[in-house]
Amino acid sequence: MERIKQKIREFLGHFFKKAEINDEDNIYELGYVNSLFAMQLVMFIEKEFSINIGNNDLDLNNFSSINAISEFIEKKKSS
């Protein structure tokens, strides 16, 4: 799971260069996310981790933090 978290950190780092985001920080509450970025994040996850994200998966809780995203990816890959 650490490899997944590292890839997510790298992706977020491209967009939030000056921010230091901890794994448990809610990126929505911190104000870093807009609708365009949310779609870029979904597309990155689908491509990078070879998973399909359906409409039922588009719950903010799945994408709120590095921990939540990595747990979501693990769950999708195991199903």
N, C-alpha and C. Protein backbone atom coordinates (compact mmCIF):
# COMPACT_ATOMS: atom_id res chain seq x y z
N MET A 1 0.83 -1.19 0.00
CA MET A 1 0.00 0.00 0.00
C MET A 1 0.87 1.26 0.00
N GLU A 2 2.07 1.16 0.49
CA GLU A 2 2.95 2.34 0.53
C GLU A 2 3.29 2.82 -0.87
N ARG A 3 3.44 1.90 -1.82
CA ARG A 3 3.71 2.28 -3.21
C ARG A 3 2.54 3.08 -3.77
N ILE A 4 1.33 2.66 -3.46
CA ILE A 4 0.13 3.38 -3.91
C ILE A 4 0.13 4.79 -3.31
N LYS A 5 0.38 4.89 -2.02
CA LYS A 5 0.40 6.21 -1.37
C LYS A 5 1.46 7.12 -1.98
N GLN A 6 2.62 6.56 -2.30
CA GLN A 6 3.69 7.36 -2.89
C GLN A 6 3.28 7.91 -4.25
N LYS A 7 2.63 7.08 -5.07
CA LYS A 7 2.16 7.54 -6.38
C LYS A 7 1.13 8.66 -6.22
N ILE A 8 0.25 8.53 -5.25
CA ILE A 8 -0.77 9.56 -5.00
C ILE A 8 -0.10 10.84 -4.54
N ARG A 9 0.87 10.73 -3.63
CA ARG A 9 1.61 11.92 -3.16
C ARG A 9 2.27 12.64 -4.33
N GLU A 10 2.89 11.88 -5.23
CA GLU A 10 3.56 12.47 -6.39
C GLU A 10 2.55 13.21 -7.27
N PHE A 11 1.40 12.59 -7.51
CA PHE A 11 0.37 13.22 -8.32
C PHE A 11 -0.11 14.51 -7.68
N LEU A 12 -0.43 14.46 -6.40
CA LEU A 12 -0.90 15.66 -5.70
C LEU A 12 0.18 16.74 -5.68
N GLY A 13 1.43 16.33 -5.57
CA GLY A 13 2.54 17.27 -5.54
C GLY A 13 2.66 18.10 -6.81
N HIS A 14 2.23 17.54 -7.94
CA HIS A 14 2.26 18.30 -9.19
C HIS A 14 1.29 19.47 -9.16
N PHE A 15 0.22 19.33 -8.41
CA PHE A 15 -0.82 20.36 -8.36
C PHE A 15 -0.67 21.30 -7.17
N PHE A 16 -0.17 20.75 -6.07
CA PHE A 16 -0.08 21.53 -4.82
C PHE A 16 1.37 21.61 -4.39
N LYS A 17 2.17 22.28 -5.18
CA LYS A 17 3.62 22.31 -4.98
C LYS A 17 4.06 22.85 -3.62
N LYS A 18 3.36 23.82 -3.10
CA LYS A 18 3.78 24.44 -1.85
C LYS A 18 3.10 23.84 -0.63
N ALA A 19 2.15 22.96 -0.86
CA ALA A 19 1.40 22.38 0.26
C ALA A 19 2.08 21.11 0.75
N GLU A 20 2.03 20.93 2.03
CA GLU A 20 2.49 19.68 2.62
C GLU A 20 1.26 18.95 3.13
N ILE A 21 0.91 17.89 2.43
CA ILE A 21 -0.32 17.16 2.74
C ILE A 21 0.05 15.85 3.43
N ASN A 22 -0.50 15.66 4.61
CA ASN A 22 -0.32 14.40 5.33
C ASN A 22 -1.31 13.37 4.81
N ASP A 23 -1.01 12.11 5.04
CA ASP A 23 -1.84 11.03 4.50
C ASP A 23 -3.29 11.10 4.98
N GLU A 24 -3.53 11.63 6.16
CA GLU A 24 -4.89 11.67 6.71
C GLU A 24 -5.59 13.01 6.47
N ASP A 25 -4.91 14.00 5.90
CA ASP A 25 -5.51 15.31 5.65
C ASP A 25 -6.61 15.23 4.60
N ASN A 26 -7.74 15.85 4.88
CA ASN A 26 -8.85 15.89 3.94
C ASN A 26 -8.58 17.00 2.92
N ILE A 27 -8.30 16.61 1.69
CA ILE A 27 -7.92 17.59 0.67
C ILE A 27 -9.08 18.48 0.27
N TYR A 28 -10.30 18.04 0.49
CA TYR A 28 -11.47 18.89 0.21
C TYR A 28 -11.60 19.97 1.27
N GLU A 29 -11.47 19.57 2.53
CA GLU A 29 -11.58 20.53 3.63
C GLU A 29 -10.45 21.56 3.59
N LEU A 30 -9.29 21.18 3.08
CA LEU A 30 -8.17 22.10 2.97
C LEU A 30 -8.35 23.08 1.82
N GLY A 31 -9.36 22.84 0.97
CA GLY A 31 -9.65 23.76 -0.12
C GLY A 31 -8.81 23.55 -1.37
N TYR A 32 -8.18 22.40 -1.51
CA TYR A 32 -7.30 22.16 -2.65
C TYR A 32 -8.03 21.64 -3.88
N VAL A 33 -9.27 21.18 -3.71
CA VAL A 33 -9.93 20.47 -4.79
C VAL A 33 -11.07 21.28 -5.38
N ASN A 34 -11.09 21.35 -6.71
CA ASN A 34 -12.25 21.87 -7.43
C ASN A 34 -12.75 20.75 -8.34
N SER A 35 -13.82 20.98 -9.06
CA SER A 35 -14.42 19.91 -9.86
C SER A 35 -13.47 19.41 -10.96
N LEU A 36 -12.72 20.32 -11.57
CA LEU A 36 -11.77 19.91 -12.60
C LEU A 36 -10.70 19.00 -12.02
N PHE A 37 -10.15 19.38 -10.87
CA PHE A 37 -9.12 18.54 -10.25
C PHE A 37 -9.69 17.19 -9.85
N ALA A 38 -10.93 17.16 -9.36
CA ALA A 38 -11.55 15.90 -8.96
C ALA A 38 -11.60 14.93 -10.13
N MET A 39 -11.95 15.44 -11.31
CA MET A 39 -11.99 14.58 -12.49
C MET A 39 -10.59 14.14 -12.91
N GLN A 40 -9.61 15.03 -12.78
CA GLN A 40 -8.23 14.66 -13.10
C GLN A 40 -7.75 13.56 -12.15
N LEU A 41 -8.12 13.66 -10.89
CA LEU A 41 -7.74 12.66 -9.90
C LEU A 41 -8.35 11.31 -10.26
N VAL A 42 -9.62 11.29 -10.61
CA VAL A 42 -10.28 10.04 -11.00
C VAL A 42 -9.60 9.44 -12.23
N MET A 43 -9.31 10.25 -13.23
CA MET A 43 -8.66 9.75 -14.44
C MET A 43 -7.25 9.22 -14.13
N PHE A 44 -6.52 9.92 -13.26
CA PHE A 44 -5.19 9.45 -12.87
C PHE A 44 -5.29 8.08 -12.20
N ILE A 45 -6.22 7.93 -11.27
CA ILE A 45 -6.36 6.66 -10.54
C ILE A 45 -6.71 5.54 -11.50
N GLU A 46 -7.65 5.78 -12.40
CA GLU A 46 -8.03 4.74 -13.36
C GLU A 46 -6.84 4.31 -14.21
N LYS A 47 -6.10 5.27 -14.72
CA LYS A 47 -4.97 4.95 -15.60
C LYS A 47 -3.80 4.34 -14.83
N GLU A 48 -3.41 4.98 -13.74
CA GLU A 48 -2.21 4.55 -13.00
C GLU A 48 -2.38 3.17 -12.37
N PHE A 49 -3.59 2.86 -11.89
CA PHE A 49 -3.80 1.63 -11.15
C PHE A 49 -4.68 0.63 -11.90
N SER A 50 -4.98 0.92 -13.15
CA SER A 50 -5.74 0.01 -14.03
C SER A 50 -7.04 -0.46 -13.39
N ILE A 51 -7.82 0.51 -12.91
CA ILE A 51 -9.13 0.18 -12.35
C ILE A 51 -10.18 1.06 -13.01
N ASN A 52 -11.40 0.59 -12.99
CA ASN A 52 -12.53 1.38 -13.50
C ASN A 52 -13.30 1.94 -12.33
N ILE A 53 -13.57 3.23 -12.38
CA ILE A 53 -14.32 3.90 -11.33
C ILE A 53 -15.69 4.22 -11.89
N GLY A 54 -16.70 3.58 -11.32
CA GLY A 54 -18.07 3.78 -11.77
C GLY A 54 -18.75 4.89 -11.00
N ASN A 55 -19.95 5.24 -11.44
CA ASN A 55 -20.71 6.29 -10.77
C ASN A 55 -20.95 5.99 -9.30
N ASN A 56 -21.15 4.73 -8.96
CA ASN A 56 -21.37 4.36 -7.55
C ASN A 56 -20.14 4.57 -6.69
N ASP A 57 -18.97 4.63 -7.32
CA ASP A 57 -17.71 4.83 -6.59
C ASP A 57 -17.42 6.31 -6.31
N LEU A 58 -18.15 7.21 -6.98
CA LEU A 58 -17.86 8.64 -6.89
C LEU A 58 -18.42 9.24 -5.61
N ASP A 59 -17.91 8.75 -4.51
CA ASP A 59 -18.26 9.22 -3.17
C ASP A 59 -17.05 10.00 -2.65
N LEU A 60 -17.28 11.21 -2.17
CA LEU A 60 -16.15 12.03 -1.68
C LEU A 60 -15.32 11.30 -0.63
N ASN A 61 -15.94 10.44 0.13
CA ASN A 61 -15.20 9.70 1.16
C ASN A 61 -14.11 8.82 0.55
N ASN A 62 -14.29 8.37 -0.68
CA ASN A 62 -13.28 7.53 -1.34
C ASN A 62 -12.06 8.33 -1.78
N PHE A 63 -12.21 9.65 -1.88
CA PHE A 63 -11.15 10.49 -2.46
C PHE A 63 -10.74 11.64 -1.55
N SER A 64 -11.08 11.57 -0.28
CA SER A 64 -10.88 12.70 0.62
C SER A 64 -9.45 12.86 1.13
N SER A 65 -8.69 11.79 1.16
CA SER A 65 -7.32 11.85 1.69
C SER A 65 -6.47 10.80 0.99
N ILE A 66 -5.18 10.89 1.20
CA ILE A 66 -4.28 9.88 0.63
C ILE A 66 -4.62 8.51 1.18
N ASN A 67 -4.90 8.43 2.48
CA ASN A 67 -5.28 7.15 3.08
C ASN A 67 -6.56 6.61 2.46
N ALA A 68 -7.58 7.48 2.31
CA ALA A 68 -8.87 7.04 1.76
C ALA A 68 -8.71 6.58 0.31
N ILE A 69 -7.93 7.32 -0.46
CA ILE A 69 -7.73 6.96 -1.87
C ILE A 69 -7.01 5.62 -1.97
N SER A 70 -5.97 5.42 -1.19
CA SER A 70 -5.22 4.16 -1.26
C SER A 70 -6.08 2.98 -0.81
N GLU A 71 -6.91 3.17 0.21
CA GLU A 71 -7.81 2.11 0.65
C GLU A 71 -8.83 1.79 -0.43
N PHE A 72 -9.36 2.81 -1.09
CA PHE A 72 -10.31 2.62 -2.18
C PHE A 72 -9.65 1.82 -3.32
N ILE A 73 -8.43 2.20 -3.68
CA ILE A 73 -7.72 1.50 -4.75
C ILE A 73 -7.51 0.03 -4.39
N GLU A 74 -7.06 -0.23 -3.18
CA GLU A 74 -6.86 -1.61 -2.72
C GLU A 74 -8.16 -2.41 -2.81
N LYS A 75 -9.25 -1.80 -2.39
CA LYS A 75 -10.56 -2.47 -2.42
C LYS A 75 -10.97 -2.78 -3.86
N LYS A 76 -10.79 -1.80 -4.76
CA LYS A 76 -11.16 -2.01 -6.17
C LYS A 76 -10.29 -3.08 -6.82
N LYS A 77 -9.02 -3.11 -6.50
CA LYS A 77 -8.12 -4.08 -7.12
C LYS A 77 -8.40 -5.50 -6.63
N SER A 78 -8.93 -5.61 -5.42
CA SER A 78 -9.18 -6.95 -4.89
C SER A 78 -10.57 -7.48 -5.25
N SER A 79 -11.40 -6.64 -5.85
CA SER A 79 -12.75 -7.12 -6.20
C SER A 79 -12.83 -7.59 -7.64
